[in-house]
Each structure stands twice: as structure tokens, then as C-alpha cells.
C-alpha atoms as a PDB file:
ATOM      1  CA  MET A   1       1.469  31.191  19.146  1.00  0.00           C
ATOM      2  CA  THR A   2       1.354  27.421  18.733  1.00  0.00           C
ATOM      3  CA  SER A   3       1.239  25.683  15.405  1.00  0.00           C
ATOM      4  CA  THR A   4      -1.296  23.015  14.474  1.00  0.00           C
ATOM      5  CA  ARG A   5       1.159  21.461  11.993  1.00  0.00           C
ATOM      6  CA  PRO A   6       2.604  18.820  14.393  1.00  0.00           C
ATOM      7  CA  SER A   7      -0.840  17.660  15.475  1.00  0.00           C
ATOM      8  CA  ALA A   8      -2.080  17.625  11.858  1.00  0.00           C
ATOM      9  CA  LEU A   9       0.985  15.593  10.803  1.00  0.00           C
ATOM     10  CA  ALA A  10       0.478  13.238  13.709  1.00  0.00           C
ATOM     11  CA  LEU A  11      -3.085  12.803  12.615  1.00  0.00           C
ATOM     12  CA  ALA A  12      -1.840  12.066   9.070  1.00  0.00           C
ATOM     13  CA  TRP A  13       0.608   9.470  10.473  1.00  0.00           C
ATOM     14  CA  SER A  14      -2.230   7.953  12.455  1.00  0.00           C
ATOM     15  CA  GLY A  15      -4.329   7.778   9.270  1.00  0.00           C
ATOM     16  CA  ALA A  16      -1.414   6.030   7.479  1.00  0.00           C
ATOM     17  CA  VAL A  17      -1.096   3.545  10.378  1.00  0.00           C
ATOM     18  CA  ILE A  18      -4.839   2.908  10.258  1.00  0.00           C
ATOM     19  CA  ALA A  19      -4.596   2.271   6.494  1.00  0.00           C
ATOM     20  CA  ALA A  20      -1.764  -0.173   7.168  1.00  0.00           C
ATOM     21  CA  ALA A  21      -3.839  -1.930   9.788  1.00  0.00           C
ATOM     22  CA  ILE A  22      -6.761  -2.236   7.371  1.00  0.00           C
ATOM     23  CA  LEU A  23      -4.382  -3.629   4.801  1.00  0.00           C
ATOM     24  CA  ALA A  24      -3.293  -6.238   7.327  1.00  0.00           C
ATOM     25  CA  GLY A  25      -6.476  -7.999   6.442  1.00  0.00           C
ATOM     26  CA  CYS A  26      -5.427  -8.005   2.815  1.00  0.00           C
ATOM     27  CA  SER A  27      -4.098 -11.513   2.612  1.00  0.00           C
ATOM     28  CA  SER A  28      -5.844 -12.769  -0.499  1.00  0.00           C
ATOM     29  CA  PRO A  29      -7.851 -11.342  -3.305  1.00  0.00           C
ATOM     30  CA  SER A  30     -11.519 -10.773  -2.639  1.00  0.00           C
ATOM     31  CA  SER A  31     -13.659 -13.639  -3.899  1.00  0.00           C
ATOM     32  CA  ASP A  32     -16.157 -11.053  -5.190  1.00  0.00           C
ATOM     33  CA  GLN A  33     -14.410  -9.938  -8.358  1.00  0.00           C
ATOM     34  CA  SER A  34     -17.114  -7.321  -9.044  1.00  0.00           C
ATOM     35  CA  ALA A  35     -15.960  -5.483  -5.912  1.00  0.00           C
ATOM     36  CA  ALA A  36     -12.601  -4.880  -7.545  1.00  0.00           C
ATOM     37  CA  SER A  37     -14.068  -2.543 -10.088  1.00  0.00           C
ATOM     38  CA  PRO A  38     -15.844   0.796  -9.656  1.00  0.00           C
ATOM     39  CA  ALA A  39     -19.629   0.938  -9.975  1.00  0.00           C
ATOM     40  CA  GLY A  40     -19.966  -2.853  -9.565  1.00  0.00           C
ATOM     41  CA  THR A  41     -18.899  -3.625 -13.083  1.00  0.00           C
ATOM     42  CA  ALA A  42     -17.189  -6.910 -13.820  1.00  0.00           C
ATOM     43  CA  ALA A  43     -13.444  -6.756 -13.099  1.00  0.00           C
ATOM     44  CA  PRO A  44     -11.430  -6.900 -16.291  1.00  0.00           C
ATOM     45  CA  THR A  45      -8.774  -9.550 -16.468  1.00  0.00           C
ATOM     46  CA  PRO A  46      -5.354  -8.022 -17.245  1.00  0.00           C
ATOM     47  CA  THR A  47      -3.790  -9.283 -20.436  1.00  0.00           C
ATOM     48  CA  PRO A  48      -0.494 -10.956 -19.456  1.00  0.00           C
ATOM     49  CA  SER A  49       2.282 -11.065 -21.976  1.00  0.00           C
ATOM     50  CA  ALA A  50       2.744 -14.343 -23.773  1.00  0.00           C
ATOM     51  CA  ALA A  51       6.214 -14.759 -22.307  1.00  0.00           C
ATOM     52  CA  THR A  52       5.084 -14.550 -18.689  1.00  0.00           C
ATOM     53  CA  ALA A  53       1.528 -15.800 -18.791  1.00  0.00           C
ATOM     54  CA  ALA A  54       0.741 -18.895 -16.800  1.00  0.00           C
ATOM     55  CA  PRO A  55      -2.221 -21.012 -17.874  1.00  0.00           C
ATOM     56  CA  ASN A  56      -5.489 -19.579 -16.503  1.00  0.00           C
ATOM     57  CA  THR A  57      -3.821 -16.466 -15.104  1.00  0.00           C
ATOM     58  CA  THR A  58      -6.530 -14.197 -13.773  1.00  0.00           C
ATOM     59  CA  ALA A  59      -6.726 -10.838 -12.055  1.00  0.00           C
ATOM     60  CA  ALA A  60      -7.100 -12.636  -8.761  1.00  0.00           C
ATOM     61  CA  GLY A  61      -3.932 -14.617  -9.424  1.00  0.00           C
ATOM     62  CA  ASP A  62      -2.073 -11.456 -10.331  1.00  0.00           C
ATOM     63  CA  TYR A  63      -3.136  -9.697  -7.182  1.00  0.00           C
ATOM     64  CA  THR A  64      -2.424 -12.491  -4.720  1.00  0.00           C
ATOM     65  CA  ALA A  65       1.215 -11.616  -4.289  1.00  0.00           C
ATOM     66  CA  PHE A  66       0.376  -7.934  -3.941  1.00  0.00           C
ATOM     67  CA  CYS A  67      -2.253  -8.698  -1.261  1.00  0.00           C
ATOM     68  CA  LYS A  68       0.122 -10.946   0.676  1.00  0.00           C
ATOM     69  CA  ALA A  69       2.863  -8.333   0.485  1.00  0.00           C
ATOM     70  CA  ASN A  70       0.465  -5.669   1.832  1.00  0.00           C
ATOM     71  CA  SER A  71      -0.555  -7.969   4.689  1.00  0.00           C
ATOM     72  CA  ALA A  72       3.103  -8.610   5.574  1.00  0.00           C
ATOM     73  CA  ALA A  73       3.944  -4.867   5.392  1.00  0.00           C
ATOM     74  CA  ALA A  74       1.037  -3.987   7.674  1.00  0.00           C
ATOM     75  CA  ALA A  75       1.990  -6.700  10.181  1.00  0.00           C
ATOM     76  CA  ALA A  76       5.614  -5.531  10.160  1.00  0.00           C
ATOM     77  CA  LYS A  77       4.517  -2.139  11.536  1.00  0.00           C
ATOM     78  CA  ALA A  78       4.295  -3.902  14.887  1.00  0.00           C
ATOM     79  CA  GLY A  79       7.857  -5.144  14.665  1.00  0.00           C
ATOM     80  CA  THR A  80      11.342  -3.775  14.127  1.00  0.00           C
ATOM     81  CA  VAL A  81      12.622  -1.368  11.500  1.00  0.00           C
ATOM     82  CA  GLY A  82      14.561  -4.220   9.893  1.00  0.00           C
ATOM     83  CA  GLU A  83      11.416  -6.320   9.605  1.00  0.00           C
ATOM     84  CA  ASP A  84       9.522  -3.319   8.194  1.00  0.00           C
ATOM     85  CA  ILE A  85      12.222  -2.666   5.630  1.00  0.00           C
ATOM     86  CA  GLU A  86      12.070  -6.235   4.454  1.00  0.00           C
ATOM     87  CA  ALA A  87       8.211  -6.172   4.239  1.00  0.00           C
ATOM     88  CA  VAL A  88       8.112  -2.756   2.484  1.00  0.00           C
ATOM     89  CA  ASN A  89      10.649  -4.097  -0.038  1.00  0.00           C
ATOM     90  CA  GLY A  90       8.331  -6.990  -0.693  1.00  0.00           C
ATOM     91  CA  GLN A  91       5.368  -4.637  -1.022  1.00  0.00           C
ATOM     92  CA  LEU A  92       7.394  -2.436  -3.429  1.00  0.00           C
ATOM     93  CA  ASP A  93       8.349  -5.437  -5.543  1.00  0.00           C
ATOM     94  CA  ALA A  94       4.702  -6.579  -5.717  1.00  0.00           C
ATOM     95  CA  ILE A  95       3.318  -3.212  -6.798  1.00  0.00           C
ATOM     96  CA  ARG A  96       6.059  -2.733  -9.317  1.00  0.00           C
ATOM     97  CA  ALA A  97       5.154  -6.099 -10.837  1.00  0.00           C
ATOM     98  CA  LEU A  98       1.625  -4.748 -11.433  1.00  0.00           C
ATOM     99  CA  LEU A  99       2.597  -1.294 -12.794  1.00  0.00           C
ATOM    100  CA  PRO A 100       1.194   0.209 -14.847  1.00  0.00           C
ATOM    101  CA  LEU A 101      -2.010  -0.893 -13.198  1.00  0.00           C
ATOM    102  CA  GLN A 102      -4.530  -1.932 -15.910  1.00  0.00           C
ATOM    103  CA  GLY A 103      -8.286  -2.137 -15.903  1.00  0.00           C
ATOM    104  CA  VAL A 104      -8.806   0.397 -13.152  1.00  0.00           C
ATOM    105  CA  SER A 105      -9.869   4.029 -13.015  1.00  0.00           C
ATOM    106  CA  ALA A 106      -7.375   6.737 -13.874  1.00  0.00           C
ATOM    107  CA  GLU A 107      -7.416   7.779 -10.212  1.00  0.00           C
ATOM    108  CA  VAL A 108      -6.563   4.319  -8.959  1.00  0.00           C
ATOM    109  CA  ALA A 109      -3.784   3.932 -11.554  1.00  0.00           C
ATOM    110  CA  ALA A 110      -2.344   7.316 -10.596  1.00  0.00           C
ATOM    111  CA  GLY A 111      -2.594   6.415  -6.963  1.00  0.00           C
ATOM    112  CA  ALA A 112      -0.603   3.206  -7.512  1.00  0.00           C
ATOM    113  CA  GLN A 113       2.227   5.401  -8.840  1.00  0.00           C
ATOM    114  CA  VAL A 114       2.008   7.599  -5.759  1.00  0.00           C
ATOM    115  CA  PHE A 115       1.950   4.517  -3.543  1.00  0.00           C
ATOM    116  CA  GLU A 116       5.166   3.260  -5.165  1.00  0.00           C
ATOM    117  CA  ALA A 117       6.920   6.613  -4.659  1.00  0.00           C
ATOM    118  CA  SER A 118       5.707   6.720  -1.063  1.00  0.00           C
ATOM    119  CA  ALA A 119       7.084   3.218  -0.409  1.00  0.00           C
ATOM    120  CA  VAL A 120      10.489   4.256  -1.799  1.00  0.00           C
ATOM    121  CA  GLU A 121      10.477   7.369   0.464  1.00  0.00           C
ATOM    122  CA  ASP A 122       9.444   5.277   3.508  1.00  0.00           C
ATOM    123  CA  LEU A 123      12.409   2.884   2.803  1.00  0.00           C
ATOM    124  CA  SER A 124      14.864   5.739   2.628  1.00  0.00           C
ATOM    125  CA  ILE A 125      13.618   7.099   5.954  1.00  0.00           C
ATOM    126  CA  LEU A 126      13.536   3.663   7.656  1.00  0.00           C
ATOM    127  CA  ALA A 127      17.146   3.042   6.561  1.00  0.00           C
ATOM    128  CA  GLN A 128      18.221   6.000   8.770  1.00  0.00           C
ATOM    129  CA  PHE A 129      17.262   4.077  11.995  1.00  0.00           C
ATOM    130  CA  PRO A 130      18.939   1.050  13.638  1.00  0.00           C
ATOM    131  CA  SER A 131      17.366  -2.128  12.283  1.00  0.00           C
ATOM    132  CA  ASP A 132      16.484  -3.313  15.800  1.00  0.00           C
ATOM    133  CA  SER A 133      14.491  -0.184  16.595  1.00  0.00           C
ATOM    134  CA  LEU A 134      10.775  -0.677  16.970  1.00  0.00           C
ATOM    135  CA  VAL A 135       8.659   0.871  14.259  1.00  0.00           C
ATOM    136  CA  SER A 136       6.397   2.215  16.944  1.00  0.00           C
ATOM    137  CA  ASP A 137       9.290   4.101  18.469  1.00  0.00           C
ATOM    138  CA  VAL A 138      10.304   5.833  15.225  1.00  0.00           C
ATOM    139  CA  GLY A 139       6.885   6.403  13.630  1.00  0.00           C
ATOM    140  CA  LEU A 140       6.427   9.910  14.926  1.00  0.00           C
ATOM    141  CA  ASP A 141       9.911  11.041  13.929  1.00  0.00           C
ATOM    142  CA  PRO A 142       9.778  14.356  12.025  1.00  0.00           C
ATOM    143  CA  ARG A 143      11.377  12.633   9.019  1.00  0.00           C
ATOM    144  CA  PHE A 144       8.170  10.613   8.609  1.00  0.00           C
ATOM    145  CA  LEU A 145       5.775  13.318   9.740  1.00  0.00           C
ATOM    146  CA  GLU A 146       7.178  15.808   7.235  1.00  0.00           C
ATOM    147  CA  SER A 147       7.453  13.381   4.374  1.00  0.00           C
ATOM    148  CA  ASP A 148       5.563  13.389   1.121  1.00  0.00           C
ATOM    149  CA  ALA A 149       4.431   9.830   1.911  1.00  0.00           C
ATOM    150  CA  ILE A 150       2.460  11.044   4.922  1.00  0.00           C
ATOM    151  CA  ARG A 151       1.144  14.077   3.070  1.00  0.00           C
ATOM    152  CA  ASN A 152      -0.091  11.768   0.288  1.00  0.00           C
ATOM    153  CA  ALA A 153      -1.757   9.448   2.774  1.00  0.00           C
ATOM    154  CA  ALA A 154      -3.572  12.413   4.252  1.00  0.00           C
ATOM    155  CA  SER A 155      -4.454  14.454   1.220  1.00  0.00           C
ATOM    156  CA  ASP A 156      -3.859  12.881  -2.203  1.00  0.00           C
ATOM    157  CA  PRO A 157      -7.202  11.733  -3.695  1.00  0.00           C
ATOM    158  CA  ASP A 158      -5.535   9.334  -6.141  1.00  0.00           C
ATOM    159  CA  TYR A 159      -3.559   7.680  -3.316  1.00  0.00           C
ATOM    160  CA  ARG A 160      -6.774   7.342  -1.284  1.00  0.00           C
ATOM    161  CA  ALA A 161      -8.542   5.884  -4.317  1.00  0.00           C
ATOM    162  CA  PHE A 162      -5.728   3.329  -4.677  1.00  0.00           C
ATOM    163  CA  ILE A 163      -5.978   2.343  -0.992  1.00  0.00           C
ATOM    164  CA  ALA A 164      -9.743   1.935  -1.327  1.00  0.00           C
ATOM    165  CA  TRP A 165      -9.237  -0.203  -4.434  1.00  0.00           C
ATOM    166  CA  THR A 166      -6.632  -2.277  -2.604  1.00  0.00           C
ATOM    167  CA  ILE A 167      -9.039  -2.919   0.243  1.00  0.00           C
ATOM    168  CA  GLN A 168     -11.756  -3.959  -2.161  1.00  0.00           C
ATOM    169  CA  THR A 169      -9.457  -6.068  -4.288  1.00  0.00           C
ATOM    170  CA  CYS A 170      -7.734  -7.831  -1.455  1.00  0.00           C
ATOM    171  CA  GLY A 171     -10.731  -8.072   0.832  1.00  0.00           C
ATOM    172  CA  LEU A 172     -10.627  -7.803   4.621  1.00  0.00           C
ATOM    173  CA  GLY A 173      -9.764 -10.726   6.813  1.00  0.00           C
ATOM    174  CA  GLY A 174      -8.603 -12.777   3.816  1.00  0.00           C
END
């Protein structure tokens, strides 16, 4: 009797890679700020702390670094493990700077937390490979295929809501 688990996990990995490819277009915040909020409502501007606020800081300004980090992380999937580690670290720093995510649905906020945990897990797995290995050569390794990060990409509705929000917020094709 054969198991469908490996093919289902390969499908999940493929879905995660597709999401990364979509995020490759996430180089700058979308110019349509209403697209960043559910149901077409105006996007709320996060309230920055007085100590860190720059003049005229907006939601778009806050998300620019996050969108650029996502773009770099998606592009790094075509490179080496070392490049991917560097890019995922940048992505992790960018999402942590935004957490807790404000002015979004509960699902998107929860998904941002799942995204952070998934990035940490991805880094721990990537660190097990030689830095000059190609990401494409290690991507179907069971350590990835059996990880919570892949399971979340395939099945966690909050994670999927966060990815959809990211695509809306960052726009496609920058």
C-alpha cells in the first residue's frame, strides 16, 4: 500500500514556493491603500510610538521594508542556502518590527504570528545544509516537507489570510 503523504507534502511545498514567487512581486506597498484592508475599507494608519515616529510616517512607509524583505526572500529561493538564510533573516526582522500587526483582521494578525514562527523553523532547517547548496536542491528534503512551516502554508487559514493580506498590501510587480 502506498501513502499519499509524500505527494501531499510535495504539493504543500509547491504551494509554499508559489506563494514565495508571488511575494517576489512584493517590492513596495500597494498604491491603493484601500486594498490593504478587508471589505475595501480605508486602511488604518498604525500609531507609531513617539520615540520612533518619523514625521509623516504612514502605513505604507511602515510596510515598505517588509515588502522589500519579502521580495528579497522570494528571489533568494532561486539561489543558495546561504543567500536564502540571509534573506529569510531580513524577512524575519521586518515582520518582527511590525508585530503585533495592528489595524488588520484577527485572522491576519494571527497569521503574522504563524508566519514568524514558520520563518524561524525554516531558518533552523536551512542551517543544516551547506551554505553553497542550491535551495532548489534541498527544498524537497523531508525536513522541510514534514515541517510545521509547510503544514501551515498548506492548511492554516490564518497563515493564508496573512499571505493574502501581504499580497494586497505589497502589491504585485511593485
